[in-house]
Amino acid sequence: MMAGLPDIAGCYRGLSIAIETKTPEGGEPTPVQRLRASQIRAAGGAVLSPCRSVAEALAWIESLDPWLEELQRIPR
């Protein structure tokens, strides 16, 4: 696996998503993790970094819905 890739990667409603997990007590993404997150975003994906709980991840995923719905309204 490439260094710095997020811990969790998947697809939500056609959007590539990635989540970098950290403990609730602290810890921040490393420079290479920040680089990979910026590369994923530049390619059109969404990244949550850092994520400290399952509840935070679920709330973030749900927050993508309005954005995705707006994208679907844009003519292609």
C-alpha atoms as a PDB file:
ATOM      1  CA  MET A   1       0.000   0.000   0.000  1.00  0.00           C
ATOM      2  CA  MET A   2       1.178   3.535  -0.749  1.00  0.00           C
ATOM      3  CA  ALA A   3       2.395   5.497   2.275  1.00  0.00           C
ATOM      4  CA  GLY A   4      -0.074   8.013   3.657  1.00  0.00           C
ATOM      5  CA  LEU A   5      -3.265   6.562   2.200  1.00  0.00           C
ATOM      6  CA  PRO A   6      -6.310   7.037   4.467  1.00  0.00           C
ATOM      7  CA  ASP A   7      -7.364   4.193   6.736  1.00  0.00           C
ATOM      8  CA  ILE A   8     -10.804   3.816   5.160  1.00  0.00           C
ATOM      9  CA  ALA A   9     -11.679   4.251   1.493  1.00  0.00           C
ATOM     10  CA  GLY A  10     -14.957   3.698  -0.271  1.00  0.00           C
ATOM     11  CA  CYS A  11     -17.659   5.046  -2.501  1.00  0.00           C
ATOM     12  CA  TYR A  12     -20.792   6.892  -1.355  1.00  0.00           C
ATOM     13  CA  ARG A  13     -23.505   7.626  -3.932  1.00  0.00           C
ATOM     14  CA  GLY A  14     -20.862   7.551  -6.672  1.00  0.00           C
ATOM     15  CA  LEU A  15     -18.388   9.774  -4.803  1.00  0.00           C
ATOM     16  CA  SER A  16     -14.974   8.453  -3.826  1.00  0.00           C
ATOM     17  CA  ILE A  17     -14.551   9.025  -0.086  1.00  0.00           C
ATOM     18  CA  ALA A  18     -11.659   8.477   2.308  1.00  0.00           C
ATOM     19  CA  ILE A  19     -11.370   8.720   6.087  1.00  0.00           C
ATOM     20  CA  GLU A  20      -8.164   9.108   8.102  1.00  0.00           C
ATOM     21  CA  THR A  21      -8.830   7.874  11.624  1.00  0.00           C
ATOM     22  CA  LYS A  22      -7.152   9.165  14.760  1.00  0.00           C
ATOM     23  CA  THR A  23      -7.788   8.455  18.430  1.00  0.00           C
ATOM     24  CA  PRO A  24     -10.228  10.668  20.350  1.00  0.00           C
ATOM     25  CA  GLU A  25      -7.338  11.718  22.602  1.00  0.00           C
ATOM     26  CA  GLY A  26      -5.364  13.329  19.829  1.00  0.00           C
ATOM     27  CA  GLY A  27      -2.981  12.755  16.999  1.00  0.00           C
ATOM     28  CA  GLU A  28      -2.854  14.652  13.762  1.00  0.00           C
ATOM     29  CA  PRO A  29      -2.303  13.538  10.171  1.00  0.00           C
ATOM     30  CA  THR A  30       1.335  13.280   9.126  1.00  0.00           C
ATOM     31  CA  PRO A  31       2.697  15.389   6.279  1.00  0.00           C
ATOM     32  CA  VAL A  32       2.418  12.464   3.840  1.00  0.00           C
ATOM     33  CA  GLN A  33      -1.178  11.818   4.986  1.00  0.00           C
ATOM     34  CA  ARG A  34      -2.031  15.483   4.355  1.00  0.00           C
ATOM     35  CA  LEU A  35      -0.419  15.216   0.905  1.00  0.00           C
ATOM     36  CA  ARG A  36      -2.470  12.127  -0.008  1.00  0.00           C
ATOM     37  CA  ALA A  37      -5.668  13.820   1.222  1.00  0.00           C
ATOM     38  CA  SER A  38      -4.974  16.836  -1.000  1.00  0.00           C
ATOM     39  CA  GLN A  39      -4.309  14.535  -3.964  1.00  0.00           C
ATOM     40  CA  ILE A  40      -7.598  12.702  -3.397  1.00  0.00           C
ATOM     41  CA  ARG A  41      -9.484  16.006  -3.188  1.00  0.00           C
ATOM     42  CA  ALA A  42      -7.768  17.291  -6.330  1.00  0.00           C
ATOM     43  CA  ALA A  43      -8.977  14.178  -8.154  1.00  0.00           C
ATOM     44  CA  GLY A  44     -12.578  14.892  -7.108  1.00  0.00           C
ATOM     45  CA  GLY A  45     -12.824  12.771  -3.981  1.00  0.00           C
ATOM     46  CA  ALA A  46     -13.868  13.763  -0.463  1.00  0.00           C
ATOM     47  CA  VAL A  47     -11.661  13.242   2.600  1.00  0.00           C
ATOM     48  CA  LEU A  48     -12.373  13.456   6.318  1.00  0.00           C
ATOM     49  CA  SER A  49      -9.102  13.916   8.188  1.00  0.00           C
ATOM     50  CA  PRO A  50      -8.810  13.483  11.065  1.00  0.00           C
ATOM     51  CA  CYS A  51     -11.847  11.485  12.143  1.00  0.00           C
ATOM     52  CA  ARG A  52     -12.054  10.665  15.840  1.00  0.00           C
ATOM     53  CA  SER A  53     -15.275   8.628  16.124  1.00  0.00           C
ATOM     54  CA  VAL A  54     -17.805   6.564  14.222  1.00  0.00           C
ATOM     55  CA  ALA A  55     -20.435   9.222  14.951  1.00  0.00           C
ATOM     56  CA  GLU A  56     -18.214  11.886  13.376  1.00  0.00           C
ATOM     57  CA  ALA A  57     -17.716   9.743  10.259  1.00  0.00           C
ATOM     58  CA  LEU A  58     -21.443   9.089   9.886  1.00  0.00           C
ATOM     59  CA  ALA A  59     -22.322  12.766  10.327  1.00  0.00           C
ATOM     60  CA  TRP A  60     -19.710  13.725   7.724  1.00  0.00           C
ATOM     61  CA  ILE A  61     -21.038  11.194   5.219  1.00  0.00           C
ATOM     62  CA  GLU A  62     -24.594  12.444   5.734  1.00  0.00           C
ATOM     63  CA  SER A  63     -23.384  16.032   5.246  1.00  0.00           C
ATOM     64  CA  LEU A  64     -22.321  15.088   1.713  1.00  0.00           C
ATOM     65  CA  ASP A  65     -25.934  14.511   0.603  1.00  0.00           C
ATOM     66  CA  PRO A  66     -26.915  18.155  -0.096  1.00  0.00           C
ATOM     67  CA  TRP A  67     -23.679  18.706  -2.019  1.00  0.00           C
ATOM     68  CA  LEU A  68     -24.209  15.549  -4.091  1.00  0.00           C
ATOM     69  CA  GLU A  69     -27.832  16.472  -4.789  1.00  0.00           C
ATOM     70  CA  GLU A  70     -26.716  19.883  -6.058  1.00  0.00           C
ATOM     71  CA  LEU A  71     -24.131  18.261  -8.328  1.00  0.00           C
ATOM     72  CA  GLN A  72     -26.821  16.051  -9.844  1.00  0.00           C
ATOM     73  CA  ARG A  73     -28.806  19.146 -10.862  1.00  0.00           C
ATOM     74  CA  ILE A  74     -25.931  20.536 -12.907  1.00  0.00           C
ATOM     75  CA  PRO A  75     -26.367  19.675 -16.613  1.00  0.00           C
ATOM     76  CA  ARG A  76     -23.546  17.609 -18.062  1.00  0.00           C
END
